C-alpha atoms as a PDB file:
ATOM      1  CA  MET A   1     128.988 119.795 104.825  1.00  0.00           C
ATOM      2  CA  ILE A   2     130.912 117.279 106.914  1.00  0.00           C
ATOM      3  CA  ILE A   3     133.541 118.864 109.147  1.00  0.00           C
ATOM      4  CA  PHE A   4     136.360 116.593 110.313  1.00  0.00           C
ATOM      5  CA  ASP A   5     139.233 116.796 112.787  1.00  0.00           C
ATOM      6  CA  VAL A   6     142.133 114.369 113.300  1.00  0.00           C
ATOM      7  CA  GLU A   7     143.912 113.531 116.551  1.00  0.00           C
ATOM      8  CA  ILE A   8     147.214 111.690 116.273  1.00  0.00           C
ATOM      9  CA  LYS A   9     148.780 108.876 118.310  1.00  0.00           C
ATOM     10  CA  LYS A  10     152.382 110.088 118.581  1.00  0.00           C
ATOM     11  CA  GLY A  11     153.473 113.327 120.184  1.00  0.00           C
ATOM     12  CA  ILE A  12     155.283 116.185 118.460  1.00  0.00           C
ATOM     13  CA  LEU A  13     157.939 118.051 120.399  1.00  0.00           C
ATOM     14  CA  GLY A  14     157.903 121.838 120.210  1.00  0.00           C
ATOM     15  CA  ARG A  15     161.050 123.928 120.315  1.00  0.00           C
ATOM     16  CA  GLY A  16     162.857 123.415 123.589  1.00  0.00           C
ATOM     17  CA  GLU A  17     160.353 120.848 124.862  1.00  0.00           C
ATOM     18  CA  LYS A  18     161.628 117.792 126.673  1.00  0.00           C
ATOM     19  CA  PRO A  19     160.083 114.401 125.909  1.00  0.00           C
ATOM     20  CA  ILE A  20     157.716 112.932 128.475  1.00  0.00           C
ATOM     21  CA  GLU A  21     158.998 109.620 129.745  1.00  0.00           C
ATOM     22  CA  GLY A  22     157.138 106.679 128.218  1.00  0.00           C
ATOM     23  CA  ILE A  23     155.584 108.735 125.380  1.00  0.00           C
ATOM     24  CA  GLU A  24     156.389 108.017 121.715  1.00  0.00           C
ATOM     25  CA  TYR A  25     157.076 110.915 119.355  1.00  0.00           C
ATOM     26  CA  CYS A  26     157.145 111.249 115.594  1.00  0.00           C
ATOM     27  CA  GLY A  27     159.680 113.312 113.638  1.00  0.00           C
ATOM     28  CA  GLY A  28     157.691 116.572 113.568  1.00  0.00           C
ATOM     29  CA  TRP A  29     154.714 118.283 111.970  1.00  0.00           C
ATOM     30  CA  ARG A  30     155.455 116.916 108.479  1.00  0.00           C
ATOM     31  CA  ASP A  31     156.105 113.290 109.556  1.00  0.00           C
ATOM     32  CA  PHE A  32     152.565 112.243 108.634  1.00  0.00           C
ATOM     33  CA  GLU A  33     153.406 108.558 108.089  1.00  0.00           C
ATOM     34  CA  ASN A  34     154.663 108.146 111.664  1.00  0.00           C
ATOM     35  CA  MET A  35     152.056 110.237 113.514  1.00  0.00           C
ATOM     36  CA  GLY A  36     149.404 107.559 113.533  1.00  0.00           C
ATOM     37  CA  VAL A  37     145.695 108.330 113.670  1.00  0.00           C
ATOM     38  CA  ALA A  38     144.149 108.054 117.123  1.00  0.00           C
ATOM     39  CA  CYS A  39     140.686 109.181 116.056  1.00  0.00           C
ATOM     40  CA  VAL A  40     138.832 111.338 113.574  1.00  0.00           C
ATOM     41  CA  CYS A  41     135.684 113.119 114.681  1.00  0.00           C
ATOM     42  CA  THR A  42     133.142 114.476 112.245  1.00  0.00           C
ATOM     43  CA  PHE A  43     130.192 116.852 112.455  1.00  0.00           C
ATOM     44  CA  ASP A  44     127.524 117.010 109.750  1.00  0.00           C
ATOM     45  CA  THR A  45     126.251 120.597 109.508  1.00  0.00           C
ATOM     46  CA  THR A  46     122.986 119.438 107.909  1.00  0.00           C
ATOM     47  CA  SER A  47     121.952 116.601 110.238  1.00  0.00           C
ATOM     48  CA  PHE A  48     124.005 117.803 113.267  1.00  0.00           C
ATOM     49  CA  LEU A  49     125.278 114.227 113.600  1.00  0.00           C
ATOM     50  CA  SER A  50     128.670 113.703 115.239  1.00  0.00           C
ATOM     51  CA  ARG A  51     130.642 110.543 114.521  1.00  0.00           C
ATOM     52  CA  VAL A  52     133.906 109.068 115.785  1.00  0.00           C
ATOM     53  CA  PHE A  53     136.255 106.942 113.681  1.00  0.00           C
ATOM     54  CA  THR A  54     139.296 105.226 115.186  1.00  0.00           C
ATOM     55  CA  SER A  55     142.220 103.916 113.135  1.00  0.00           C
ATOM     56  CA  SER A  56     140.498 100.556 112.564  1.00  0.00           C
ATOM     57  CA  ARG A  57     137.606 102.333 110.765  1.00  0.00           C
ATOM     58  CA  LEU A  58     139.446 104.642 108.367  1.00  0.00           C
ATOM     59  CA  ASP A  59     137.919 102.890 105.339  1.00  0.00           C
ATOM     60  CA  GLU A  60     134.443 103.752 106.692  1.00  0.00           C
ATOM     61  CA  LEU A  61     135.594 107.339 107.243  1.00  0.00           C
ATOM     62  CA  GLU A  62     136.764 107.646 103.646  1.00  0.00           C
ATOM     63  CA  ALA A  63     133.424 106.362 102.355  1.00  0.00           C
ATOM     64  CA  TYR A  64     131.504 108.695 104.681  1.00  0.00           C
ATOM     65  CA  LEU A  65     133.488 111.765 103.590  1.00  0.00           C
ATOM     66  CA  THR A  66     132.481 111.159  99.960  1.00  0.00           C
ATOM     67  CA  THR A  67     128.807 111.763 100.797  1.00  0.00           C
ATOM     68  CA  ALA A  68     129.034 115.574 101.130  1.00  0.00           C
ATOM     69  CA  PRO A  69     131.432 118.510 100.776  1.00  0.00           C
ATOM     70  CA  THR A  70     133.960 118.609 103.615  1.00  0.00           C
ATOM     71  CA  GLY A  71     135.556 121.256 105.786  1.00  0.00           C
ATOM     72  CA  GLY A  72     137.630 121.974 108.851  1.00  0.00           C
ATOM     73  CA  PHE A  73     140.390 124.139 110.281  1.00  0.00           C
ATOM     74  CA  ASN A  74     143.944 123.796 108.923  1.00  0.00           C
ATOM     75  CA  THR A  75     142.801 120.607 107.254  1.00  0.00           C
ATOM     76  CA  ARG A  76     144.611 121.043 103.930  1.00  0.00           C
ATOM     77  CA  ARG A  77     147.997 121.323 105.610  1.00  0.00           C
ATOM     78  CA  PHE A  78     147.548 118.882 108.497  1.00  0.00           C
ATOM     79  CA  ASP A  79     144.481 116.638 108.677  1.00  0.00           C
ATOM     80  CA  MET A  80     144.262 115.762 104.965  1.00  0.00           C
ATOM     81  CA  PRO A  81     147.982 114.908 104.538  1.00  0.00           C
ATOM     82  CA  CYS A  82     147.865 112.896 107.774  1.00  0.00           C
ATOM     83  CA  LEU A  83     144.847 110.932 106.575  1.00  0.00           C
ATOM     84  CA  ALA A  84     146.362 110.487 103.090  1.00  0.00           C
ATOM     85  CA  ALA A  85     149.478 108.989 104.694  1.00  0.00           C
ATOM     86  CA  HIS A  86     147.155 106.448 106.312  1.00  0.00           C
ATOM     87  CA  GLY A  87     145.271 105.584 103.122  1.00  0.00           C
ATOM     88  CA  VAL A  88     142.322 108.028 103.324  1.00  0.00           C
ATOM     89  CA  LYS A  89     141.886 110.242 100.270  1.00  0.00           C
ATOM     90  CA  ILE A  90     139.573 113.265 100.476  1.00  0.00           C
ATOM     91  CA  ALA A  91     138.412 115.284  97.484  1.00  0.00           C
ATOM     92  CA  GLN A  92     140.129 118.685  97.490  1.00  0.00           C
ATOM     93  CA  GLU A  93     137.729 120.431  95.118  1.00  0.00           C
ATOM     94  CA  HIS A  94     134.755 120.382  97.545  1.00  0.00           C
ATOM     95  CA  HIS A  95     136.678 121.195 100.719  1.00  0.00           C
ATOM     96  CA  TYR A  96     136.519 124.376 102.851  1.00  0.00           C
ATOM     97  CA  ASP A  97     139.520 125.048 105.106  1.00  0.00           C
ATOM     98  CA  ALA A  98     138.617 127.915 107.471  1.00  0.00           C
ATOM     99  CA  LEU A  99     142.232 128.771 108.369  1.00  0.00           C
ATOM    100  CA  GLU A 100     143.234 128.813 104.712  1.00  0.00           C
ATOM    101  CA  GLN A 101     140.314 131.148 103.972  1.00  0.00           C
ATOM    102  CA  ILE A 102     141.418 133.478 106.785  1.00  0.00           C
ATOM    103  CA  TRP A 103     144.949 133.614 105.397  1.00  0.00           C
ATOM    104  CA  LEU A 104     143.699 134.208 101.857  1.00  0.00           C
ATOM    105  CA  LYS A 105     141.407 137.003 103.105  1.00  0.00           C
ATOM    106  CA  LEU A 106     144.507 138.598 104.662  1.00  0.00           C
ATOM    107  CA  GLY A 107     146.240 138.397 101.262  1.00  0.00           C
ATOM    108  CA  LEU A 108     148.769 135.852 102.556  1.00  0.00           C
ATOM    109  CA  ASP A 109     150.229 132.874 100.720  1.00  0.00           C
ATOM    110  CA  ALA A 110     148.573 129.912 102.438  1.00  0.00           C
ATOM    111  CA  ASP A 111     151.546 127.662 101.618  1.00  0.00           C
ATOM    112  CA  ARG A 112     154.389 129.908 102.826  1.00  0.00           C
ATOM    113  CA  PHE A 113     154.148 130.655 106.523  1.00  0.00           C
ATOM    114  CA  SER A 114     155.385 133.983 107.898  1.00  0.00           C
ATOM    115  CA  SER A 115     154.879 135.876 111.149  1.00  0.00           C
ATOM    116  CA  LEU A 116     151.795 137.497 109.558  1.00  0.00           C
ATOM    117  CA  HIS A 117     150.034 134.112 109.627  1.00  0.00           C
ATOM    118  CA  ALA A 118     150.347 133.868 113.437  1.00  0.00           C
ATOM    119  CA  GLY A 119     147.580 134.659 115.884  1.00  0.00           C
ATOM    120  CA  TRP A 120     144.746 133.031 113.944  1.00  0.00           C
ATOM    121  CA  GLY A 121     144.639 129.675 115.742  1.00  0.00           C
ATOM    122  CA  LEU A 122     141.296 128.006 116.376  1.00  0.00           C
ATOM    123  CA  ASP A 123     141.204 128.892 120.074  1.00  0.00           C
ATOM    124  CA  ALA A 124     142.108 132.553 119.445  1.00  0.00           C
ATOM    125  CA  VAL A 125     139.498 132.906 116.692  1.00  0.00           C
ATOM    126  CA  MET A 126     136.725 131.140 118.605  1.00  0.00           C
ATOM    127  CA  GLN A 127     137.322 133.153 121.788  1.00  0.00           C
ATOM    128  CA  ALA A 128     137.397 136.513 119.995  1.00  0.00           C
ATOM    129  CA  THR A 129     134.541 135.733 117.589  1.00  0.00           C
ATOM    130  CA  PHE A 130     132.139 133.736 119.757  1.00  0.00           C
ATOM    131  CA  GLY A 131     133.455 133.789 123.343  1.00  0.00           C
ATOM    132  CA  LEU A 132     133.996 130.008 123.114  1.00  0.00           C
ATOM    133  CA  ALA A 133     137.224 128.195 124.002  1.00  0.00           C
ATOM    134  CA  LYS A 134     138.817 124.882 123.156  1.00  0.00           C
ATOM    135  CA  THR A 135     138.758 122.269 125.927  1.00  0.00           C
ATOM    136  CA  GLY A 136     142.482 121.565 125.773  1.00  0.00           C
ATOM    137  CA  HIS A 137     145.607 121.796 123.678  1.00  0.00           C
ATOM    138  CA  GLY A 138     146.152 119.462 120.732  1.00  0.00           C
ATOM    139  CA  ALA A 139     149.707 118.667 121.830  1.00  0.00           C
ATOM    140  CA  MET A 140     148.265 116.795 124.821  1.00  0.00           C
ATOM    141  CA  ALA A 141     145.982 114.521 122.769  1.00  0.00           C
ATOM    142  CA  PRO A 142     148.731 112.032 121.803  1.00  0.00           C
ATOM    143  CA  VAL A 143     149.949 111.952 125.405  1.00  0.00           C
ATOM    144  CA  TRP A 144     146.443 111.245 126.692  1.00  0.00           C
ATOM    145  CA  TRP A 145     145.934 108.617 123.965  1.00  0.00           C
ATOM    146  CA  GLN A 146     149.139 106.786 124.835  1.00  0.00           C
ATOM    147  CA  GLN A 147     148.264 106.943 128.531  1.00  0.00           C
ATOM    148  CA  GLY A 148     144.997 105.150 127.754  1.00  0.00           C
ATOM    149  CA  HIS A 149     142.677 108.151 128.151  1.00  0.00           C
ATOM    150  CA  HIS A 150     140.987 107.510 124.793  1.00  0.00           C
ATOM    151  CA  ASP A 151     137.661 108.922 125.982  1.00  0.00           C
ATOM    152  CA  LYS A 152     139.354 112.213 126.897  1.00  0.00           C
ATOM    153  CA  VAL A 153     140.901 112.475 123.419  1.00  0.00           C
ATOM    154  CA  ILE A 154     137.579 111.695 121.739  1.00  0.00           C
ATOM    155  CA  ASP A 155     135.768 114.303 123.862  1.00  0.00           C
ATOM    156  CA  TYR A 156     138.457 116.873 123.029  1.00  0.00           C
ATOM    157  CA  CYS A 157     138.226 116.057 119.310  1.00  0.00           C
ATOM    158  CA  LEU A 158     134.407 116.196 119.335  1.00  0.00           C
ATOM    159  CA  ASN A 159     134.553 119.657 120.914  1.00  0.00           C
ATOM    160  CA  ASP A 160     137.097 120.865 118.351  1.00  0.00           C
ATOM    161  CA  VAL A 161     135.092 119.578 115.391  1.00  0.00           C
ATOM    162  CA  TRP A 162     131.946 121.286 116.734  1.00  0.00           C
ATOM    163  CA  LEU A 163     133.877 124.577 117.082  1.00  0.00           C
ATOM    164  CA  GLU A 164     135.236 124.161 113.552  1.00  0.00           C
ATOM    165  CA  ALA A 165     131.727 123.530 112.212  1.00  0.00           C
ATOM    166  CA  LYS A 166     130.405 126.650 113.928  1.00  0.00           C
ATOM    167  CA  LEU A 167     133.265 128.705 112.475  1.00  0.00           C
ATOM    168  CA  CYS A 168     132.958 127.298 108.941  1.00  0.00           C
ATOM    169  CA  GLN A 169     129.205 127.925 108.862  1.00  0.00           C
ATOM    170  CA  HIS A 170     129.696 131.450 110.223  1.00  0.00           C
ATOM    171  CA  MET A 171     132.340 132.280 107.631  1.00  0.00           C
ATOM    172  CA  ARG A 172     130.374 130.754 104.738  1.00  0.00           C
ATOM    173  CA  SER A 173     127.283 132.761 105.720  1.00  0.00           C
ATOM    174  CA  GLY A 174     129.204 136.057 105.495  1.00  0.00           C
ATOM    175  CA  GLY A 175     130.207 136.423 109.141  1.00  0.00           C
ATOM    176  CA  VAL A 176     132.946 138.504 110.718  1.00  0.00           C
ATOM    177  CA  VAL A 177     135.942 136.664 112.201  1.00  0.00           C
ATOM    178  CA  LYS A 178     138.113 138.161 114.927  1.00  0.00           C
ATOM    179  CA  ALA A 179     141.314 137.360 116.791  1.00  0.00           C
ATOM    180  CA  ALA A 180     142.944 139.302 119.627  1.00  0.00           C
ATOM    181  CA  GLY A 181     144.999 142.220 118.345  1.00  0.00           C
ATOM    182  CA  LYS A 182     143.883 141.649 114.744  1.00  0.00           C
ATOM    183  CA  GLU A 183     141.576 143.603 112.460  1.00  0.00           C
ATOM    184  CA  PRO A 184     138.214 141.819 112.058  1.00  0.00           C
ATOM    185  CA  LEU A 185     137.710 140.012 108.755  1.00  0.00           C
ATOM    186  CA  GLN A 186     134.379 140.155 106.906  1.00  0.00           C
ATOM    187  CA  PHE A 187     133.687 137.088 104.767  1.00  0.00           C
ATOM    188  CA  GLU A 188     131.485 136.773 101.701  1.00  0.00           C
ATOM    189  CA  VAL A 189     128.506 134.414 101.547  1.00  0.00           C
ATOM    190  CA  VAL A 190     129.460 131.075  99.991  1.00  0.00           C
ATOM    191  CA  SER A 191     126.706 128.942  98.486  1.00  0.00           C
END
């Protein structure tokens, strides 16, 4: 399985946040066309190979992602639409979205967000399940990218994709997933 994670070029303002001077922003979390793709990092769970694709190599990324089933965290609702808006199509039928699987295990509608969906972010799940933490916050990646800290964004993305791979493999092998203040979820083995 090839796990992938997208980092975007333009920032997204949260509620009540003030723009940072000199930083470009898109129109929000659904403005996929205007987000831009800074980089996409991948992790192959069979070969343990990590790869980095910048926006000039998205055609290579698309070809690479056809070589195996894919996966990630919140990929169906963020990464895949973002990539599709930039010309990269990924097969849905062989894709494993860990966050979607968590929501489905909770009996929640994965396409209609409510307060019951909250608390299952990647950092929360990884800390409670494995004692591992993300190396930053995704909202900073576009700021770092625009400030010229491309290596910092790539390192952050590589760490995230490795965490996502660890989580996907754990869930698919029948592992238990936790988050602070939540009941643990036991997953079934997926072949």
